[in-house]
Protein backbone atom coordinates (compact mmCIF):
# COMPACT_ATOMS: atom_id res chain seq x y z
CA MET A 1 23.69 -16.76 -10.16
CA ARG A 2 25.27 -15.52 -13.42
CA ALA A 3 22.81 -17.47 -15.53
CA LEU A 4 19.84 -16.05 -13.63
CA ILE A 5 21.13 -12.47 -13.92
CA LEU A 6 21.84 -13.03 -17.62
CA VAL A 7 18.23 -14.14 -18.08
CA PHE A 8 17.01 -11.05 -16.18
CA GLY A 9 19.16 -8.85 -18.42
CA ILE A 10 17.90 -10.39 -21.64
CA VAL A 11 14.25 -10.40 -20.54
CA GLY A 12 14.49 -6.77 -19.35
CA THR A 13 16.10 -5.66 -22.60
CA VAL A 14 13.44 -7.39 -24.71
CA LEU A 15 10.52 -6.16 -22.58
CA PHE A 16 11.56 -2.52 -22.38
CA GLY A 17 12.81 -2.49 -25.97
CA SER A 18 9.48 -3.90 -27.17
CA ALA A 19 7.56 -1.37 -25.07
CA PHE A 20 9.61 1.47 -26.59
CA VAL A 21 8.87 0.27 -30.14
CA LEU A 22 5.21 -0.25 -29.22
CA SER A 23 4.90 3.39 -28.12
CA PHE A 24 5.54 4.38 -31.75
CA SER A 25 3.63 1.59 -33.50
CA SER A 26 0.60 1.62 -31.15
CA PRO A 27 0.49 4.85 -29.11
CA LEU A 28 -3.22 4.25 -28.44
CA LEU A 29 -2.28 1.15 -26.44
CA VAL A 30 -0.08 3.27 -24.17
CA GLU A 31 -2.93 5.76 -23.80
CA ASN A 32 -5.32 2.97 -22.80
CA LEU A 33 -2.86 1.57 -20.26
CA GLY A 34 -2.37 5.02 -18.74
CA LYS A 35 -5.98 6.20 -18.93
CA GLU A 36 -6.22 6.79 -15.17
CA ILE A 37 -3.06 8.95 -15.20
CA ILE A 38 -4.50 10.95 -18.10
CA ARG A 39 -7.86 11.39 -16.36
CA ILE A 40 -6.25 12.64 -13.14
CA GLU A 41 -4.01 15.10 -15.00
CA ILE A 42 -6.85 16.45 -17.16
CA GLU A 43 -9.06 17.07 -14.13
CA HIS A 44 -6.08 18.69 -12.37
CA ARG A 45 -5.47 21.01 -15.34
CA LEU A 46 -9.14 21.94 -15.57
CA GLY A 47 -9.20 22.66 -11.84
CA THR A 48 -6.15 24.88 -12.19
CA GLN A 49 -7.81 26.67 -15.10
CA LEU A 50 -10.93 27.25 -13.01
CA ASP A 51 -8.83 28.70 -10.20
CA THR A 52 -7.01 30.94 -12.68
CA LEU A 53 -10.25 32.22 -14.19
CA THR A 54 -11.84 32.79 -10.80
CA GLY A 55 -8.86 34.62 -9.32
CA SER A 56 -7.71 36.51 -12.40
CA ARG A 57 -8.20 40.28 -12.24
CA MET A 58 -8.72 40.35 -16.02
CA ALA A 59 -11.40 37.66 -15.78
CA ASP A 60 -13.02 39.52 -12.89
CA LEU A 61 -13.25 42.68 -14.99
CA ALA A 62 -14.68 40.72 -17.92
CA GLN A 63 -17.29 39.07 -15.70
CA LYS A 64 -18.33 42.43 -14.23
CA ALA A 65 -18.57 43.87 -17.72
CA LEU A 66 -20.98 41.05 -18.56
CA GLY A 67 -23.04 41.97 -15.51
CA ARG A 68 -22.43 38.72 -13.66
CA THR A 69 -22.73 38.69 -9.88
CA ASP A 70 -20.44 36.73 -7.58
CA SER A 71 -23.25 34.28 -6.80
CA GLU A 72 -23.87 33.66 -10.50
CA ILE A 73 -20.18 33.06 -11.12
CA ALA A 74 -19.99 30.70 -8.13
CA ALA A 75 -23.02 28.79 -9.41
CA VAL A 76 -21.46 28.42 -12.84
CA ARG A 77 -18.21 27.20 -11.31
CA ARG A 78 -20.06 24.57 -9.25
CA GLU A 79 -21.89 23.49 -12.39
CA ILE A 80 -18.63 23.13 -14.31
CA GLU A 81 -16.90 21.25 -11.48
CA ALA A 82 -19.84 18.87 -11.10
CA GLY A 83 -19.86 18.08 -14.81
CA ILE A 84 -16.10 17.68 -15.28
CA PRO A 85 -15.77 13.95 -14.35
CA ASP A 86 -18.58 12.81 -16.67
CA LYS A 87 -17.44 15.11 -19.46
CA VAL A 88 -13.82 13.96 -19.13
CA ALA A 89 -14.91 10.30 -19.17
CA SER A 90 -17.02 10.89 -22.29
CA VAL A 91 -14.30 12.76 -24.17
CA MET A 92 -11.61 10.23 -23.18
CA THR A 93 -13.77 7.36 -24.46
CA ASP A 94 -13.98 9.10 -27.83
CA MET A 95 -10.32 10.12 -27.88
CA ARG A 96 -9.16 6.52 -27.37
CA ARG A 97 -10.81 5.52 -30.66
CA ALA A 98 -8.31 5.76 -33.51
CA ASP A 99 -11.01 6.74 -36.04
CA CYS A 100 -12.54 9.53 -33.94
CA GLU A 101 -12.64 12.93 -35.64
CA CYS A 102 -11.77 14.51 -32.29
CA ARG A 103 -8.20 13.15 -32.62
CA LYS A 104 -7.78 15.02 -35.90
CA ARG A 105 -8.97 18.33 -34.51
CA ASN A 106 -6.01 18.50 -32.14
CA ALA A 107 -7.56 21.45 -30.32
CA VAL A 108 -4.94 23.79 -28.87
CA TYR A 109 -5.79 26.22 -26.09
CA MET A 110 -3.17 28.97 -25.66
CA GLN A 111 -3.37 31.04 -22.49
CA GLN A 112 -2.54 34.37 -24.08
CA ARG A 113 -3.24 37.65 -22.34
CA GLN A 114 -6.06 38.67 -24.65
CA ALA A 115 -7.71 35.25 -24.44
CA THR A 116 -7.44 35.30 -20.64
CA GLN A 117 -9.17 38.69 -20.56
CA LEU A 118 -12.12 37.34 -22.53
CA ALA A 119 -12.22 33.84 -21.05
CA SER A 120 -14.89 33.98 -18.37
CA LEU A 121 -16.31 30.96 -16.61
CA ILE A 122 -19.38 31.33 -18.81
CA GLN A 123 -17.23 30.88 -21.91
CA MET A 124 -15.36 27.98 -20.31
CA ARG A 125 -18.64 26.16 -19.73
CA ALA A 126 -19.51 26.54 -23.41
CA ARG A 127 -16.06 25.38 -24.56
CA LEU A 128 -15.47 22.65 -21.97
CA VAL A 129 -15.16 19.84 -24.54
CA GLU A 130 -12.55 21.84 -26.46
CA PHE A 131 -10.59 22.43 -23.26
CA ILE A 132 -10.72 18.73 -22.38
CA GLU A 133 -9.58 17.70 -25.87
CA SER A 134 -6.72 20.19 -25.66
CA ALA A 135 -5.72 18.94 -22.20
CA TYR A 136 -5.96 15.35 -23.46
CA HIS A 137 -3.56 16.01 -26.35
CA GLN A 138 -1.07 17.79 -24.09
CA THR A 139 -1.27 15.13 -21.38
CA THR A 140 -0.92 12.16 -23.73
CA ALA A 141 2.03 13.83 -25.43
CA SER A 142 3.73 14.25 -22.03
CA LEU A 143 2.88 10.68 -21.01
CA LEU A 144 4.21 9.22 -24.28
CA ARG A 145 7.42 11.23 -23.96
CA GLU A 146 7.98 10.05 -20.37
CA PHE A 147 7.07 6.47 -21.33
CA ARG A 148 9.59 6.47 -24.19
CA ILE A 149 12.35 7.95 -22.04
CA PHE A 150 11.65 5.40 -19.31
CA THR A 151 11.50 2.36 -21.60
CA ALA A 152 14.51 3.36 -23.73
CA SER A 153 16.66 4.14 -20.69
CA ASN A 154 15.76 0.88 -18.98
CA ALA A 155 16.30 -1.13 -22.16
CA LEU A 156 19.81 0.34 -22.49
CA VAL A 157 20.68 -0.31 -18.84
CA PHE A 158 19.38 -3.89 -18.99
CA LEU A 159 21.38 -4.35 -22.19
CA ALA A 160 24.46 -3.09 -20.34
CA LEU A 161 23.71 -5.57 -17.53
CA THR A 162 23.53 -8.37 -20.10
CA GLY A 163 26.80 -7.30 -21.72
CA VAL A 164 28.69 -6.97 -18.44
CA THR A 165 27.35 -10.33 -17.22
CA ALA A 166 28.47 -12.03 -20.43
CA ARG A 167 31.88 -10.33 -20.37
CA ARG A 168 32.75 -10.70 -16.68
CA ARG A 169 32.48 -14.47 -16.28
CA ARG A 170 34.13 -14.47 -12.85
CA ALA A 171 31.64 -11.99 -11.42
CA GLY A 172 28.90 -13.59 -9.38
CA LEU A 173 27.39 -11.90 -6.36
CA GLN A 174 28.77 -8.56 -7.53
CA LEU A 175 26.33 -8.66 -10.44
CA ALA A 176 23.47 -9.09 -7.98
CA LEU A 177 23.72 -5.45 -6.83
CA PRO A 178 22.88 -3.74 -10.16
CA ALA A 179 20.44 -6.55 -10.98
CA ILE A 180 18.53 -5.99 -7.73
CA VAL A 181 18.40 -2.22 -8.34
CA LEU A 182 17.06 -2.66 -11.88
CA VAL A 183 14.59 -5.46 -11.19
CA THR A 184 13.20 -3.79 -8.05
CA ALA A 185 12.72 -0.42 -9.76
CA SER A 186 11.08 -2.08 -12.78
CA ALA A 187 8.78 -4.19 -10.61
CA VAL A 188 7.70 -1.19 -8.51
CA THR A 189 6.97 0.87 -11.63
CA ALA A 190 5.00 -1.99 -13.20
CA MET A 191 2.92 -2.38 -10.02
CA LEU A 192 2.20 1.35 -9.95
CA TYR A 193 1.23 1.33 -13.62
CA LEU A 194 -1.16 -1.59 -13.17
CA PHE A 195 -2.62 -1.01 -9.71
CA ALA A 196 -1.86 2.51 -8.43
CA GLN A 197 -1.93 5.01 -11.26
CA ASP A 198 -2.81 7.85 -8.89
CA TRP A 199 0.67 7.42 -7.33
CA LEU A 200 2.26 6.99 -10.74
CA HIS A 201 0.63 10.26 -11.85
CA THR A 202 2.44 12.02 -9.00
CA ILE A 203 5.73 10.48 -10.12
CA VAL A 204 5.31 11.19 -13.86
CA PHE A 205 4.18 14.80 -13.43
CA GLY A 206 6.16 15.55 -10.26
CA SER A 207 8.65 18.40 -10.25
CA TYR A 208 11.64 16.33 -9.14
CA ILE A 209 11.07 13.11 -11.09
CA GLY A 210 13.85 13.94 -13.55
CA LEU A 211 16.46 14.30 -10.81
CA ALA A 212 15.30 11.18 -8.96
CA TYR A 213 15.24 9.10 -12.12
CA MET A 214 18.68 10.30 -13.20
CA ALA A 215 20.02 9.39 -9.75
CA TYR A 216 18.58 5.88 -10.09
CA LEU A 217 20.11 5.41 -13.54
CA ALA A 218 23.45 6.86 -12.45
CA PHE A 219 23.58 4.45 -9.49
CA ALA A 220 22.83 1.40 -11.65
CA ILE A 221 25.33 2.47 -14.32
CA ALA A 222 28.00 3.20 -11.68
CA LEU A 223 27.65 -0.35 -10.33
CA LEU A 224 27.93 -1.79 -13.84
CA CYS A 225 30.98 0.36 -14.61
CA ASP A 226 32.62 -0.82 -11.39
CA ILE A 227 32.15 -4.44 -12.48
CA ALA A 228 33.19 -3.82 -16.08
CA PHE A 229 36.22 -1.56 -15.55
CA ASN A 230 37.23 -1.79 -11.89
CA ARG A 231 37.06 -5.55 -11.32
CA ALA A 232 34.00 -4.96 -9.11
CA ARG A 233 36.11 -3.65 -6.23
CA VAL A 234 33.38 -1.32 -4.94
CA CYS A 235 30.66 -3.97 -5.25
CA THR A 236 32.94 -6.53 -3.59
CA ARG A 237 33.63 -4.19 -0.68
CA ALA A 238 29.93 -3.46 -0.28
CA ILE A 239 29.03 -7.18 -0.20
CA ASN A 240 31.82 -8.01 2.24
CA GLY A 241 30.85 -5.08 4.45
CA LEU A 242 27.23 -6.21 4.49
CA ALA A 243 28.24 -9.78 5.36
CA SER A 244 30.54 -8.52 8.11
CA SER A 245 27.77 -6.40 9.63
CA PHE A 246 25.76 -9.59 10.16
CA GLY A 247 28.76 -11.31 11.77
CA SER A 248 29.40 -13.58 8.81
CA ALA A 249 32.88 -14.65 7.73
CA PHE A 250 31.64 -14.93 4.15
CA GLU A 251 33.84 -13.05 1.68
CA VAL A 252 33.99 -12.53 -2.07
CA LEU A 253 37.01 -11.48 -4.10
CA PRO A 254 37.32 -8.89 -6.89
CA CYS A 255 36.74 -10.39 -10.30
C-alpha cells in the first residue's frame, strides 16, 4: 500500500510539475489542448457583446442617428451570429500558429463609455476579427493562469503526499484517504480536459470555482497534516468508522 501511494505521489508530482513548466516553455501547446474551451468562451463573450450592443440605450441612440431601422439592426445581428462560428474557427487556426502576425497585434478592446456610444452592430460586423482576436488573447490569458494555478497546486500537494508517505513509515491505509482524493480529482479533471471541454469550460470560468477548488485543496492538505502531525488519528477514526458501518471488525491503529 505505501509503495503504491509513494509511486502515485512521485508520478503526480512529476506530471503536474512538468505541465506547469510546459505552460511557460510551450504556452501554444496548452492553447491547442484547450482549444474547445477557448472557442466556447470566445463565442460566449461575443454573444454577450451582441446583447450589450442591442440592449444599450447609447447604442440605440447611435443606431437611430445612423438612420437604421429595427429590422435592419436585427438582420445585421443575425448575419453576425451566423458568421461567428466560422470566423472564430478561422481566427483560432491563425492564432495557434506561433509565427502568425495576429499574435503580435495583441488587439485590445476596451468597453469605455465613449466607445460603447459609437459601437453599433454595423461597426461590430466590420471589426469582428479584431473583437475575436481580443477575446482570444483575454481567454487564453485566463486559461493559462488557471492552468498554472491548477498544475502548481497539485504538484505541491502530490509532493506533500510523497513526503508524508516517506516520513510516516507506519502509516498504511491512512495514506489511502488523501491519495484517493488527489488521484480521483486529477483523473476527473484529465477526463474533462480530454473528452468534455464544454463541462470544463463551465468549471474554469464558473463564478464559484475558486471556492470549490480551495475546499478540495484544504481537505487534501488537512488529511496530510493529520497523518504528518497528529499520528493520523482523524484518518484512523474515519477508516474504523467506515469499517464498522459495514459490520466489519477490521481496525487500524494510529501511526
